[in-house]
Each structure stands twice: as C-alpha cells, then as structure tokens.
Amino acid sequence: MDKSILTLDKGTRCTAWNYSGQRLAAGLVDGSLLIYDSTDPASSTFISTSRFKVQESSILKVVWVPPEYGDAVACIGADGTLSLWEEVTEDTEGHHWKLCKCFDRNTSQVLDIQFGDAETCLKLVAAYSDGQIKIYELLDTLELEKWQLQAEFQNVIDLVSNFGHASCVSASISWNPQRSEVQQSSFVLGFSSNVPALNSPKVWEFDLDHQRWLPVAELSLPEEKTDQVSAVAWAPNIGRPYELIAVATQKGISIWHLGSNPDADGRLSAQKLATLSGHDSEVWEMEWDMSGTTLATTGSDGMVRLWQSNLNGMWHEQAVLTPAS
C-alpha cells in the first residue's frame, strides 16, 4: 500500500525539493513559505520545521540555490517580485530564515528564474513579462545578497529587433546541466507571449572572447516559430556527443538534438527528433532523470507521463502515472 510521507498545508501553491531530496520548500497563497525536513531518511517522513512570511501576495514558484552556496531559496510572487531567502544560524535566535536580496522589478513581472553554476561564479537568469532576460552574477560566494546585473537582452535571434509592447504570460528556462572548464555557460528559454519572435526557444551561450550572450540555436521549425512555449528542459549528458532538449507547446512535446560543434557563424545545428503526443491539455512541467534518458512530463490533465527512446532512437511513452481517486 502507498504511504504518505507528508501532508501539505491548505493553500499550497508550489513546491520544490532541494538537491538531496531531504528538504521541501512550499509556497502558499497567503505569501508564506514552509520548509519541510526529513525526520528519518530511512522512513521517508517529513515534518514542517519553518514557516515565515515572504510577501503579501501568493508565491508562484520556489527555486533552491545550488547546495554549495548554502540553504537558500528564491521566491517568485504573484505581484511579480523576486526575493532570495537564506537559512542562517545565530547565537541568539538559532536557525532562522532571513531575507538576502530583493531584485529590482521596475514595471515588469518576473515569470521564471533558474540558477546556473558556472566555473567562475553562480549565475541567475530571470525572464520578465515584457520579454526581457536578465542575467545576474553573484559577486561573493559567501554573501548571497551581493549580486550584480551582468546582461540584459530579449529572446530574439536578431539582436537589433525592436518590438512594440510585449506581453508575456509565462516563460520557461533550463540551464545546460553540464559543468566543464571547456564548455561555456548556456541555457534554453521560451516565452508564451503576444510577440511570435520571443516565443520560439533559443539556446543562449556566453561568448567569453566578447563577454556577451549570443543566440547559438533556435529550437523550432519555420512553421512553429509562432507557437507559444509552456516548458523547456535540458537533459543531463553523461557521454553523448550531442545534447537533448525537450520543448512543450500546445502542439505537443518536441525532442531536439543539439550539436556540439559550431559552424563558421558560431551557430549550433538543431534537429527535431520526435514529437510526443499524450497529454490532452497544456504541459506544465518537464524533468529529465539524472542519466538524461527518461523524460517526465505533467500538465493540466493531471497525468504524469514517462518517455524514453528505444535502441532504434524511436521515442515512446514508457508509463503513465494517474492521481489517486
């Protein structure tokens, strides 16, 4: 018989496991953040150890900072704010969570964020409702409040393009999980917006020679460039000579092959391997396993589907997980 490991509080809007799977952060509609900790890893039971107010509006997303930088989470609020909270230990108060950083929002709202752990420093990429992308760098590995804006641009191939008012309702970011001294930082990002050029997923890579971010690939066929993107996921690579990236739109889930050798213009080859159909509605989240061979997807149909490719490279649905009635 299935056993419940914890019961989430009423009003939970989003959750996120930390990297070890021993802590769970949950954002609530009242703007509170709850931290659940494992009481005994052998029994897989969790209890709430902290609850604190982050903001007045609902928390839409929580993201853990990479573990080598301590126990910290970033929170996106329904009002479009982005804040960073860290667990600290003080002699007078013991363990408690403190606000490290509130990132400037101006008039646009934060839609999605992801941390990328480069060789030089921790980076954070944020996508905004006006179609802008901002890259922040951590200045001091021991001071999570010290960030600087490193770059700001739009998700377009033609960097001199000028649009009217862009209105984006969602965005999805996925960093290249590969860590290598010879491989530059890169991530894929797609929007769901009223500007078609912003929507199609682009792979961005940091050009070390010119100290700027460049679009090196576009993951959409000519007839798909206007499709709004709901989720992207970059697969871990444990030895393939190419990369795998999943892209979800209203037409289904696409699996893309991304080459590793740039052409004379610095662009990487991109080939669509498969289109996966199974979800009856919008795909919300996608996640690869640690080997980068199994893709888990979930959406508004309430189903979790697992996808794999066979020995001939054909992608198929491996399993379907349905919610308990």
C-alpha atoms as a PDB file:
ATOM      1  CA  MET A   1       0.000   0.000   0.000  1.00  0.00           C
ATOM      2  CA  ASP A   2       1.224   3.504  -0.842  1.00  0.00           C
ATOM      3  CA  LYS A   3       2.340   5.522   2.173  1.00  0.00           C
ATOM      4  CA  SER A   4       2.014   9.283   2.560  1.00  0.00           C
ATOM      5  CA  ILE A   5       5.284  10.972   3.504  1.00  0.00           C
ATOM      6  CA  LEU A   6       3.756  14.364   4.376  1.00  0.00           C
ATOM      7  CA  THR A   7       0.556  16.377   4.148  1.00  0.00           C
ATOM      8  CA  LEU A   8       0.907  19.816   2.599  1.00  0.00           C
ATOM      9  CA  ASP A   9      -0.825  22.762   4.226  1.00  0.00           C
ATOM     10  CA  LYS A  10      -4.043  24.036   2.727  1.00  0.00           C
ATOM     11  CA  GLY A  11      -3.325  26.826   0.272  1.00  0.00           C
ATOM     12  CA  THR A  12      -0.052  25.360  -1.050  1.00  0.00           C
ATOM     13  CA  ARG A  13       0.584  26.838  -4.495  1.00  0.00           C
ATOM     14  CA  CYS A  14       4.017  25.450  -5.444  1.00  0.00           C
ATOM     15  CA  THR A  15       6.744  23.155  -4.122  1.00  0.00           C
ATOM     16  CA  ALA A  16      10.401  22.380  -4.780  1.00  0.00           C
ATOM     17  CA  TRP A  17      12.739  19.658  -3.479  1.00  0.00           C
ATOM     18  CA  ASN A  18      16.314  20.561  -2.666  1.00  0.00           C
ATOM     19  CA  TYR A  19      19.183  18.798  -4.450  1.00  0.00           C
ATOM     20  CA  SER A  20      19.460  15.962  -1.927  1.00  0.00           C
ATOM     21  CA  GLY A  21      15.713  15.356  -1.680  1.00  0.00           C
ATOM     22  CA  GLN A  22      15.856  15.813   2.106  1.00  0.00           C
ATOM     23  CA  ARG A  23      14.090  19.202   2.207  1.00  0.00           C
ATOM     24  CA  LEU A  24      10.944  20.515   0.572  1.00  0.00           C
ATOM     25  CA  ALA A  25      10.017  24.183   0.188  1.00  0.00           C
ATOM     26  CA  ALA A  26       6.329  25.032  -0.290  1.00  0.00           C
ATOM     27  CA  GLY A  27       4.892  28.413  -1.281  1.00  0.00           C
ATOM     28  CA  LEU A  28       1.391  29.332  -0.075  1.00  0.00           C
ATOM     29  CA  VAL A  29      -1.313  31.597  -1.440  1.00  0.00           C
ATOM     30  CA  ASP A  30      -1.008  33.866   1.616  1.00  0.00           C
ATOM     31  CA  GLY A  31       2.648  34.589   0.808  1.00  0.00           C
ATOM     32  CA  SER A  32       4.119  32.243   3.417  1.00  0.00           C
ATOM     33  CA  LEU A  33       6.971  29.813   2.771  1.00  0.00           C
ATOM     34  CA  LEU A  34       7.105  26.445   4.544  1.00  0.00           C
ATOM     35  CA  ILE A  35      10.183  24.241   4.865  1.00  0.00           C
ATOM     36  CA  TYR A  36       9.720  20.506   5.432  1.00  0.00           C
ATOM     37  CA  ASP A  37      12.627  18.378   6.635  1.00  0.00           C
ATOM     38  CA  SER A  38      13.165  14.638   6.702  1.00  0.00           C
ATOM     39  CA  THR A  39      12.987  13.292  10.252  1.00  0.00           C
ATOM     40  CA  ASP A  40      14.413   9.917   9.321  1.00  0.00           C
ATOM     41  CA  PRO A  41      15.712   9.209   5.790  1.00  0.00           C
ATOM     42  CA  ALA A  42      15.071   5.504   6.304  1.00  0.00           C
ATOM     43  CA  SER A  43      11.349   6.060   6.872  1.00  0.00           C
ATOM     44  CA  SER A  44      10.904   8.915   4.348  1.00  0.00           C
ATOM     45  CA  THR A  45       8.767  11.024   6.656  1.00  0.00           C
ATOM     46  CA  PHE A  46       8.811  14.831   6.702  1.00  0.00           C
ATOM     47  CA  ILE A  47       7.688  17.480   9.178  1.00  0.00           C
ATOM     48  CA  SER A  48       7.333  21.254   8.896  1.00  0.00           C
ATOM     49  CA  THR A  49      10.332  22.921  10.561  1.00  0.00           C
ATOM     50  CA  SER A  50       9.955  26.553   9.443  1.00  0.00           C
ATOM     51  CA  ARG A  51       7.174  28.859   8.353  1.00  0.00           C
ATOM     52  CA  PHE A  52       7.714  32.533   7.582  1.00  0.00           C
ATOM     53  CA  LYS A  53       6.095  35.338   5.619  1.00  0.00           C
ATOM     54  CA  VAL A  54       7.773  36.178   2.331  1.00  0.00           C
ATOM     55  CA  GLN A  55       5.297  38.677   0.882  1.00  0.00           C
ATOM     56  CA  GLU A  56       1.630  39.692   0.898  1.00  0.00           C
ATOM     57  CA  SER A  57       0.762  38.091  -2.449  1.00  0.00           C
ATOM     58  CA  SER A  58       0.736  34.409  -3.386  1.00  0.00           C
ATOM     59  CA  ILE A  59       4.037  32.609  -4.056  1.00  0.00           C
ATOM     60  CA  LEU A  60       4.023  31.230  -7.599  1.00  0.00           C
ATOM     61  CA  LYS A  61       7.389  29.467  -7.693  1.00  0.00           C
ATOM     62  CA  VAL A  62      10.269  28.497  -5.407  1.00  0.00           C
ATOM     63  CA  VAL A  63      13.761  27.505  -6.574  1.00  0.00           C
ATOM     64  CA  TRP A  64      16.592  26.201  -4.389  1.00  0.00           C
ATOM     65  CA  VAL A  65      20.049  27.719  -4.723  1.00  0.00           C
ATOM     66  CA  PRO A  66      22.754  25.125  -5.620  1.00  0.00           C
ATOM     67  CA  PRO A  67      23.778  23.363  -2.371  1.00  0.00           C
ATOM     68  CA  GLU A  68      27.386  24.524  -2.316  1.00  0.00           C
ATOM     69  CA  TYR A  69      26.104  28.059  -1.674  1.00  0.00           C
ATOM     70  CA  GLY A  70      24.149  27.088   1.444  1.00  0.00           C
ATOM     71  CA  ASP A  71      20.480  26.505   2.197  1.00  0.00           C
ATOM     72  CA  ALA A  72      18.637  29.238   0.320  1.00  0.00           C
ATOM     73  CA  VAL A  73      15.575  29.607  -1.887  1.00  0.00           C
ATOM     74  CA  ALA A  74      14.361  32.176  -4.389  1.00  0.00           C
ATOM     75  CA  CYS A  75      10.648  33.037  -4.451  1.00  0.00           C
ATOM     76  CA  ILE A  76       8.573  34.500  -7.297  1.00  0.00           C
ATOM     77  CA  GLY A  77       5.431  36.278  -6.137  1.00  0.00           C
ATOM     78  CA  ALA A  78       2.113  36.817  -7.894  1.00  0.00           C
ATOM     79  CA  ASP A  79       2.927  40.535  -7.818  1.00  0.00           C
ATOM     80  CA  GLY A  80       5.981  39.812  -9.989  1.00  0.00           C
ATOM     81  CA  THR A  81       8.596  40.251  -7.271  1.00  0.00           C
ATOM     82  CA  LEU A  82      11.716  38.110  -6.836  1.00  0.00           C
ATOM     83  CA  SER A  83      13.296  37.615  -3.415  1.00  0.00           C
ATOM     84  CA  LEU A  84      16.089  35.410  -2.063  1.00  0.00           C
ATOM     85  CA  TRP A  85      15.946  33.874   1.441  1.00  0.00           C
ATOM     86  CA  GLU A  86      18.742  32.110   3.314  1.00  0.00           C
ATOM     87  CA  GLU A  87      18.756  29.892   6.397  1.00  0.00           C
ATOM     88  CA  VAL A  88      21.296  31.187   8.900  1.00  0.00           C
ATOM     89  CA  THR A  89      22.409  30.302  12.413  1.00  0.00           C
ATOM     90  CA  GLU A  90      22.765  32.993  15.050  1.00  0.00           C
ATOM     91  CA  ASP A  91      23.626  32.534  18.712  1.00  0.00           C
ATOM     92  CA  THR A  92      20.586  34.433  19.932  1.00  0.00           C
ATOM     93  CA  GLU A  93      17.965  33.040  17.554  1.00  0.00           C
ATOM     94  CA  GLY A  94      19.327  29.676  16.456  1.00  0.00           C
ATOM     95  CA  HIS A  95      18.276  28.539  12.977  1.00  0.00           C
ATOM     96  CA  HIS A  96      16.080  31.020  11.119  1.00  0.00           C
ATOM     97  CA  TRP A  97      15.488  32.339   7.600  1.00  0.00           C
ATOM     98  CA  LYS A  98      16.446  35.876   6.596  1.00  0.00           C
ATOM     99  CA  LEU A  99      15.853  37.981   3.505  1.00  0.00           C
ATOM    100  CA  CYS A 100      19.078  38.264   1.486  1.00  0.00           C
ATOM    101  CA  LYS A 101      18.006  40.099  -1.639  1.00  0.00           C
ATOM    102  CA  CYS A 102      15.011  41.704  -3.330  1.00  0.00           C
ATOM    103  CA  PHE A 103      15.708  42.060  -7.043  1.00  0.00           C
ATOM    104  CA  ASP A 104      14.574  45.207  -8.850  1.00  0.00           C
ATOM    105  CA  ARG A 105      11.362  44.709 -10.802  1.00  0.00           C
ATOM    106  CA  ASN A 106      10.581  48.117 -12.367  1.00  0.00           C
ATOM    107  CA  THR A 107       7.237  47.804 -14.202  1.00  0.00           C
ATOM    108  CA  SER A 108       7.555  44.214 -15.458  1.00  0.00           C
ATOM    109  CA  GLN A 109       6.955  40.987 -13.561  1.00  0.00           C
ATOM    110  CA  VAL A 110       9.294  38.036 -13.050  1.00  0.00           C
ATOM    111  CA  LEU A 111       7.900  34.944 -14.803  1.00  0.00           C
ATOM    112  CA  ASP A 112      10.636  32.353 -14.277  1.00  0.00           C
ATOM    113  CA  ILE A 113      14.163  32.039 -12.860  1.00  0.00           C
ATOM    114  CA  GLN A 114      16.887  29.407 -12.796  1.00  0.00           C
ATOM    115  CA  PHE A 115      20.341  29.232 -11.228  1.00  0.00           C
ATOM    116  CA  GLY A 116      23.330  28.225 -13.306  1.00  0.00           C
ATOM    117  CA  ASP A 117      26.527  27.184 -11.560  1.00  0.00           C
ATOM    118  CA  ALA A 118      29.331  28.254 -13.867  1.00  0.00           C
ATOM    119  CA  GLU A 119      33.037  27.664 -13.256  1.00  0.00           C
ATOM    120  CA  THR A 120      33.631  31.297 -12.389  1.00  0.00           C
ATOM    121  CA  CYS A 121      30.580  32.242 -10.301  1.00  0.00           C
ATOM    122  CA  LEU A 122      26.932  31.475  -9.609  1.00  0.00           C
ATOM    123  CA  LYS A 123      24.567  32.950 -12.192  1.00  0.00           C
ATOM    124  CA  LEU A 124      20.841  33.574 -12.149  1.00  0.00           C
ATOM    125  CA  VAL A 125      18.758  34.067 -15.289  1.00  0.00           C
ATOM    126  CA  ALA A 126      15.342  35.711 -14.967  1.00  0.00           C
ATOM    127  CA  ALA A 127      12.639  36.110 -17.617  1.00  0.00           C
ATOM    128  CA  TYR A 128      10.226  39.049 -17.386  1.00  0.00           C
ATOM    129  CA  SER A 129       6.712  39.790 -18.607  1.00  0.00           C
ATOM    130  CA  ASP A 130       7.991  42.424 -21.069  1.00  0.00           C
ATOM    131  CA  GLY A 131      10.120  39.803 -22.858  1.00  0.00           C
ATOM    132  CA  GLN A 132      13.393  40.838 -21.274  1.00  0.00           C
ATOM    133  CA  ILE A 133      16.008  38.418 -19.971  1.00  0.00           C
ATOM    134  CA  LYS A 134      18.336  39.483 -17.167  1.00  0.00           C
ATOM    135  CA  ILE A 135      21.489  37.651 -16.097  1.00  0.00           C
ATOM    136  CA  TYR A 136      22.784  38.264 -12.568  1.00  0.00           C
ATOM    137  CA  GLU A 137      26.146  37.178 -11.133  1.00  0.00           C
ATOM    138  CA  LEU A 138      26.985  36.503  -7.504  1.00  0.00           C
ATOM    139  CA  LEU A 139      29.950  38.669  -6.543  1.00  0.00           C
ATOM    140  CA  ASP A 140      30.943  36.783  -3.376  1.00  0.00           C
ATOM    141  CA  THR A 141      30.285  33.076  -2.821  1.00  0.00           C
ATOM    142  CA  LEU A 142      29.873  33.732   0.904  1.00  0.00           C
ATOM    143  CA  GLU A 143      27.475  36.673   0.551  1.00  0.00           C
ATOM    144  CA  LEU A 144      24.195  35.768  -1.137  1.00  0.00           C
ATOM    145  CA  GLU A 145      22.998  39.369  -1.013  1.00  0.00           C
ATOM    146  CA  LYS A 146      25.745  40.630  -3.329  1.00  0.00           C
ATOM    147  CA  TRP A 147      24.546  40.296  -6.933  1.00  0.00           C
ATOM    148  CA  GLN A 148      25.217  42.406  -9.996  1.00  0.00           C
ATOM    149  CA  LEU A 149      23.396  42.651 -13.324  1.00  0.00           C
ATOM    150  CA  GLN A 150      25.686  41.154 -15.948  1.00  0.00           C
ATOM    151  CA  ALA A 151      23.484  41.324 -19.075  1.00  0.00           C
ATOM    152  CA  GLU A 152      20.008  42.238 -20.320  1.00  0.00           C
ATOM    153  CA  PHE A 153      18.514  41.324 -23.707  1.00  0.00           C
ATOM    154  CA  GLN A 154      15.462  39.888 -25.490  1.00  0.00           C
ATOM    155  CA  ASN A 155      14.867  36.304 -26.617  1.00  0.00           C
ATOM    156  CA  VAL A 156      15.398  37.008 -30.326  1.00  0.00           C
ATOM    157  CA  ILE A 157      17.957  35.958 -32.939  1.00  0.00           C
ATOM    158  CA  ASP A 158      18.161  39.434 -34.474  1.00  0.00           C
ATOM    159  CA  LEU A 159      19.620  41.421 -31.600  1.00  0.00           C
ATOM    160  CA  VAL A 160      18.656  44.751 -33.186  1.00  0.00           C
ATOM    161  CA  SER A 161      14.965  43.875 -33.439  1.00  0.00           C
ATOM    162  CA  ASN A 162      12.603  46.415 -31.941  1.00  0.00           C
ATOM    163  CA  PHE A 163       9.134  45.408 -30.836  1.00  0.00           C
ATOM    164  CA  GLY A 164       6.171  47.306 -29.543  1.00  0.00           C
ATOM    165  CA  HIS A 165       4.702  46.439 -26.190  1.00  0.00           C
ATOM    166  CA  ALA A 166       5.421  42.779 -25.449  1.00  0.00           C
ATOM    167  CA  SER A 167       3.076  40.996 -23.076  1.00  0.00           C
ATOM    168  CA  CYS A 168       4.273  37.596 -21.844  1.00  0.00           C
ATOM    169  CA  VAL A 169       2.094  35.427 -19.619  1.00  0.00           C
ATOM    170  CA  SER A 170       4.716  32.744 -18.894  1.00  0.00           C
ATOM    171  CA  ALA A 171       8.307  31.739 -19.569  1.00  0.00           C
ATOM    172  CA  SER A 172      10.440  28.640 -19.091  1.00  0.00           C
ATOM    173  CA  ILE A 173      14.206  28.452 -18.566  1.00  0.00           C
ATOM    174  CA  SER A 174      16.556  25.464 -18.389  1.00  0.00           C
ATOM    175  CA  TRP A 175      20.320  25.706 -17.907  1.00  0.00           C
ATOM    176  CA  ASN A 176      22.708  23.289 -19.551  1.00  0.00           C
ATOM    177  CA  PRO A 177      23.419  20.977 -16.567  1.00  0.00           C
ATOM    178  CA  GLN A 178      26.875  20.092 -17.899  1.00  0.00           C
ATOM    179  CA  ARG A 179      29.757  21.540 -15.874  1.00  0.00           C
ATOM    180  CA  SER A 180      33.035  21.756 -17.730  1.00  0.00           C
ATOM    181  CA  GLU A 181      36.051  24.043 -17.835  1.00  0.00           C
ATOM    182  CA  VAL A 182      35.995  23.976 -21.639  1.00  0.00           C
ATOM    183  CA  GLN A 183      32.235  24.471 -22.036  1.00  0.00           C
ATOM    184  CA  GLN A 184      30.751  27.931 -21.632  1.00  0.00           C
ATOM    185  CA  SER A 185      27.553  28.656 -19.710  1.00  0.00           C
ATOM    186  CA  SER A 186      24.400  28.125 -21.771  1.00  0.00           C
ATOM    187  CA  PHE A 187      20.660  27.861 -21.303  1.00  0.00           C
ATOM    188  CA  VAL A 188      17.459  27.499 -23.332  1.00  0.00           C
ATOM    189  CA  LEU A 189      14.449  29.787 -22.923  1.00  0.00           C
ATOM    190  CA  GLY A 190      10.998  30.174 -24.487  1.00  0.00           C
ATOM    191  CA  PHE A 191       8.054  32.517 -23.859  1.00  0.00           C
ATOM    192  CA  SER A 192       4.310  32.415 -24.162  1.00  0.00           C
ATOM    193  CA  SER A 193       3.627  35.923 -25.427  1.00  0.00           C
ATOM    194  CA  ASN A 194       1.906  38.133 -27.996  1.00  0.00           C
ATOM    195  CA  VAL A 195       5.208  38.576 -29.884  1.00  0.00           C
ATOM    196  CA  PRO A 196       5.936  35.470 -32.019  1.00  0.00           C
ATOM    197  CA  ALA A 197       9.671  36.184 -32.257  1.00  0.00           C
ATOM    198  CA  LEU A 198      10.008  35.910 -28.477  1.00  0.00           C
ATOM    199  CA  ASN A 199       8.198  32.582 -28.208  1.00  0.00           C
ATOM    200  CA  SER A 200      10.370  30.090 -30.084  1.00  0.00           C
ATOM    201  CA  PRO A 201      13.031  28.612 -27.765  1.00  0.00           C
ATOM    202  CA  LYS A 202      16.556  29.923 -28.224  1.00  0.00           C
ATOM    203  CA  VAL A 203      19.785  28.468 -26.871  1.00  0.00           C
ATOM    204  CA  TRP A 204      21.959  31.210 -25.403  1.00  0.00           C
ATOM    205  CA  GLU A 205      25.684  30.762 -24.788  1.00  0.00           C
ATOM    206  CA  PHE A 206      28.196  33.066 -23.160  1.00  0.00           C
ATOM    207  CA  ASP A 207      30.870  34.274 -25.579  1.00  0.00           C
ATOM    208  CA  LEU A 208      33.966  34.529 -23.401  1.00  0.00           C
ATOM    209  CA  ASP A 209      36.018  36.402 -26.013  1.00  0.00           C
ATOM    210  CA  HIS A 210      33.483  39.215 -26.400  1.00  0.00           C
ATOM    211  CA  GLN A 211      31.953  38.936 -22.899  1.00  0.00           C
ATOM    212  CA  ARG A 212      28.367  38.741 -24.109  1.00  0.00           C
ATOM    213  CA  TRP A 213      25.495  36.277 -24.517  1.00  0.00           C
ATOM    214  CA  LEU A 214      24.742  35.082 -28.048  1.00  0.00           C
ATOM    215  CA  PRO A 215      21.873  33.018 -29.511  1.00  0.00           C
ATOM    216  CA  VAL A 216      23.510  29.892 -30.947  1.00  0.00           C
ATOM    217  CA  ALA A 217      20.417  27.833 -31.890  1.00  0.00           C
ATOM    218  CA  GLU A 218      16.654  28.110 -32.349  1.00  0.00           C
ATOM    219  CA  LEU A 219      14.552  25.064 -31.468  1.00  0.00           C
ATOM    220  CA  SER A 220      11.563  25.438 -33.773  1.00  0.00           C
ATOM    221  CA  LEU A 221      10.708  24.621 -37.376  1.00  0.00           C
ATOM    222  CA  PRO A 222       9.711  27.544 -39.658  1.00  0.00           C
ATOM    223  CA  GLU A 223       6.003  26.742 -39.265  1.00  0.00           C
ATOM    224  CA  GLU A 224       6.367  26.524 -35.448  1.00  0.00           C
ATOM    225  CA  LYS A 225       8.081  29.832 -34.716  1.00  0.00           C
ATOM    226  CA  THR A 226       4.853  31.487 -33.563  1.00  0.00           C
ATOM    227  CA  ASP A 227       3.906  28.648 -31.176  1.00  0.00           C
ATOM    228  CA  GLN A 228       3.756  29.674 -27.534  1.00  0.00           C
ATOM    229  CA  VAL A 229       6.085  27.660 -25.287  1.00  0.00           C
ATOM    230  CA  SER A 230       4.907  26.321 -21.927  1.00  0.00           C
ATOM    231  CA  ALA A 231       8.026  24.428 -20.788  1.00  0.00           C
ATOM    232  CA  VAL A 232      11.617  23.572 -21.757  1.00  0.00           C
ATOM    233  CA  ALA A 233      14.030  21.031 -20.220  1.00  0.00           C
ATOM    234  CA  TRP A 234      17.742  20.432 -20.976  1.00  0.00           C
ATOM    235  CA  ALA A 235      18.800  16.813 -20.432  1.00  0.00           C
ATOM    236  CA  PRO A 236      21.890  15.856 -18.414  1.00  0.00           C
ATOM    237  CA  ASN A 237      24.654  14.456 -20.590  1.00  0.00           C
ATOM    238  CA  ILE A 238      26.743  11.512 -19.407  1.00  0.00           C
ATOM    239  CA  GLY A 239      28.713  10.920 -22.585  1.00  0.00           C
ATOM    240  CA  ARG A 240      26.624  11.742 -25.658  1.00  0.00           C
ATOM    241  CA  PRO A 241      28.413  13.747 -28.384  1.00  0.00           C
ATOM    242  CA  TYR A 242      25.279  15.923 -28.625  1.00  0.00           C
ATOM    243  CA  GLU A 243      22.672  17.499 -26.328  1.00  0.00           C
ATOM    244  CA  LEU A 244      18.974  16.678 -25.874  1.00  0.00           C
ATOM    245  CA  ILE A 245      16.399  19.378 -25.128  1.00  0.00           C
ATOM    246  CA  ALA A 246      12.642  18.958 -24.693  1.00  0.00           C
ATOM    247  CA  VAL A 247      10.210  21.720 -25.713  1.00  0.00           C
ATOM    248  CA  ALA A 248       6.484  21.771 -24.906  1.00  0.00           C
ATOM    249  CA  THR A 249       3.908  23.797 -26.867  1.00  0.00           C
ATOM    250  CA  GLN A 250       0.176  23.414 -27.492  1.00  0.00           C
ATOM    251  CA  LYS A 251       1.079  21.030 -30.345  1.00  0.00           C
ATOM    252  CA  GLY A 252       2.895  18.552 -28.092  1.00  0.00           C
ATOM    253  CA  ILE A 253       6.362  17.840 -26.756  1.00  0.00           C
ATOM    254  CA  SER A 254       9.335  18.041 -29.127  1.00  0.00           C
ATOM    255  CA  ILE A 255      12.688  16.340 -28.563  1.00  0.00           C
ATOM    256  CA  TRP A 256      15.598  18.238 -30.103  1.00  0.00           C
ATOM    257  CA  HIS A 257      19.118  17.119 -30.978  1.00  0.00           C
ATOM    258  CA  LEU A 258      21.614  19.958 -30.446  1.00  0.00           C
ATOM    259  CA  GLY A 259      25.063  19.615 -31.992  1.00  0.00           C
ATOM    260  CA  SER A 260      28.240  20.449 -30.093  1.00  0.00           C
ATOM    261  CA  ASN A 261      30.402  21.809 -32.921  1.00  0.00           C
ATOM    262  CA  PRO A 262      29.544  25.375 -34.002  1.00  0.00           C
ATOM    263  CA  ASP A 263      29.663  26.445 -37.645  1.00  0.00           C
ATOM    264  CA  ALA A 264      31.599  29.438 -39.007  1.00  0.00           C
ATOM    265  CA  ASP A 265      28.941  31.809 -37.638  1.00  0.00           C
ATOM    266  CA  GLY A 266      29.049  30.249 -34.189  1.00  0.00           C
ATOM    267  CA  ARG A 267      25.670  28.534 -34.583  1.00  0.00           C
ATOM    268  CA  LEU A 268      24.925  25.003 -33.399  1.00  0.00           C
ATOM    269  CA  SER A 269      22.969  22.531 -35.516  1.00  0.00           C
ATOM    270  CA  ALA A 270      19.482  21.704 -34.217  1.00  0.00           C
ATOM    271  CA  GLN A 271      17.389  18.756 -35.386  1.00  0.00           C
ATOM    272  CA  LYS A 272      13.917  17.765 -34.268  1.00  0.00           C
ATOM    273  CA  LEU A 273      13.942  14.062 -33.383  1.00  0.00           C
ATOM    274  CA  ALA A 274      10.346  13.438 -32.306  1.00  0.00           C
ATOM    275  CA  THR A 275       7.002  14.948 -31.343  1.00  0.00           C
ATOM    276  CA  LEU A 276       5.371  13.294 -28.329  1.00  0.00           C
ATOM    277  CA  SER A 277       1.592  13.394 -28.021  1.00  0.00           C
ATOM    278  CA  GLY A 278      -0.233  12.151 -24.958  1.00  0.00           C
ATOM    279  CA  HIS A 279      -1.300  14.995 -22.732  1.00  0.00           C
ATOM    280  CA  ASP A 280      -4.799  16.194 -23.564  1.00  0.00           C
ATOM    281  CA  SER A 281      -4.033  19.753 -22.496  1.00  0.00           C
ATOM    282  CA  GLU A 282      -1.214  22.136 -21.650  1.00  0.00           C
ATOM    283  CA  VAL A 283       2.073  20.692 -20.371  1.00  0.00           C
ATOM    284  CA  TRP A 284       3.132  22.449 -17.180  1.00  0.00           C
ATOM    285  CA  GLU A 285       6.423  20.862 -16.159  1.00  0.00           C
ATOM    286  CA  MET A 286       9.102  18.611 -17.647  1.00  0.00           C
ATOM    287  CA  GLU A 287      12.033  16.956 -15.888  1.00  0.00           C
ATOM    288  CA  TRP A 288      14.787  14.601 -17.082  1.00  0.00           C
ATOM    289  CA  ASP A 289      16.248  11.836 -14.937  1.00  0.00           C
ATOM    290  CA  MET A 290      19.910  12.010 -13.900  1.00  0.00           C
ATOM    291  CA  SER A 291      21.048   9.987 -16.928  1.00  0.00           C
ATOM    292  CA  GLY A 292      19.165  12.172 -19.430  1.00  0.00           C
ATOM    293  CA  THR A 293      17.347   9.171 -20.913  1.00  0.00           C
ATOM    294  CA  THR A 294      13.867   9.398 -19.348  1.00  0.00           C
ATOM    295  CA  LEU A 295      11.667  12.473 -19.552  1.00  0.00           C
ATOM    296  CA  ALA A 296       8.829  13.017 -17.063  1.00  0.00           C
ATOM    297  CA  THR A 297       6.034  15.413 -18.051  1.00  0.00           C
ATOM    298  CA  THR A 298       2.899  16.636 -16.317  1.00  0.00           C
ATOM    299  CA  GLY A 299       0.120  19.022 -17.231  1.00  0.00           C
ATOM    300  CA  SER A 300      -3.390  20.254 -16.607  1.00  0.00           C
ATOM    301  CA  ASP A 301      -4.803  16.793 -17.417  1.00  0.00           C
ATOM    302  CA  GLY A 302      -3.425  15.637 -14.057  1.00  0.00           C
ATOM    303  CA  MET A 303      -1.283  12.885 -15.564  1.00  0.00           C
ATOM    304  CA  VAL A 304       2.445  12.224 -15.213  1.00  0.00           C
ATOM    305  CA  ARG A 305       3.903  10.570 -18.300  1.00  0.00           C
ATOM    306  CA  LEU A 306       7.345   8.997 -18.703  1.00  0.00           C
ATOM    307  CA  TRP A 307       9.025   8.980 -22.125  1.00  0.00           C
ATOM    308  CA  GLN A 308      12.053   7.053 -23.404  1.00  0.00           C
ATOM    309  CA  SER A 309      13.681   6.201 -26.718  1.00  0.00           C
ATOM    310  CA  ASN A 310      14.296   2.615 -27.780  1.00  0.00           C
ATOM    311  CA  LEU A 311      17.513   1.192 -29.238  1.00  0.00           C
ATOM    312  CA  ASN A 312      16.463   2.449 -32.686  1.00  0.00           C
ATOM    313  CA  GLY A 313      16.093   6.006 -31.407  1.00  0.00           C
ATOM    314  CA  MET A 314      12.289   5.970 -31.548  1.00  0.00           C
ATOM    315  CA  TRP A 315      10.618   7.850 -28.686  1.00  0.00           C
ATOM    316  CA  HIS A 316       7.599   6.313 -26.964  1.00  0.00           C
ATOM    317  CA  GLU A 317       5.519   6.574 -23.831  1.00  0.00           C
ATOM    318  CA  GLN A 318       7.011   4.258 -21.216  1.00  0.00           C
ATOM    319  CA  ALA A 319       4.495   4.695 -18.378  1.00  0.00           C
ATOM    320  CA  VAL A 320       1.545   6.790 -17.190  1.00  0.00           C
ATOM    321  CA  LEU A 321       1.023   7.748 -13.550  1.00  0.00           C
ATOM    322  CA  THR A 322      -2.533   8.707 -12.631  1.00  0.00           C
ATOM    323  CA  PRO A 323      -3.568  10.608  -9.495  1.00  0.00           C
ATOM    324  CA  ALA A 324      -5.234   8.641  -6.722  1.00  0.00           C
ATOM    325  CA  SER A 325      -9.024   8.876  -6.802  1.00  0.00           C
END
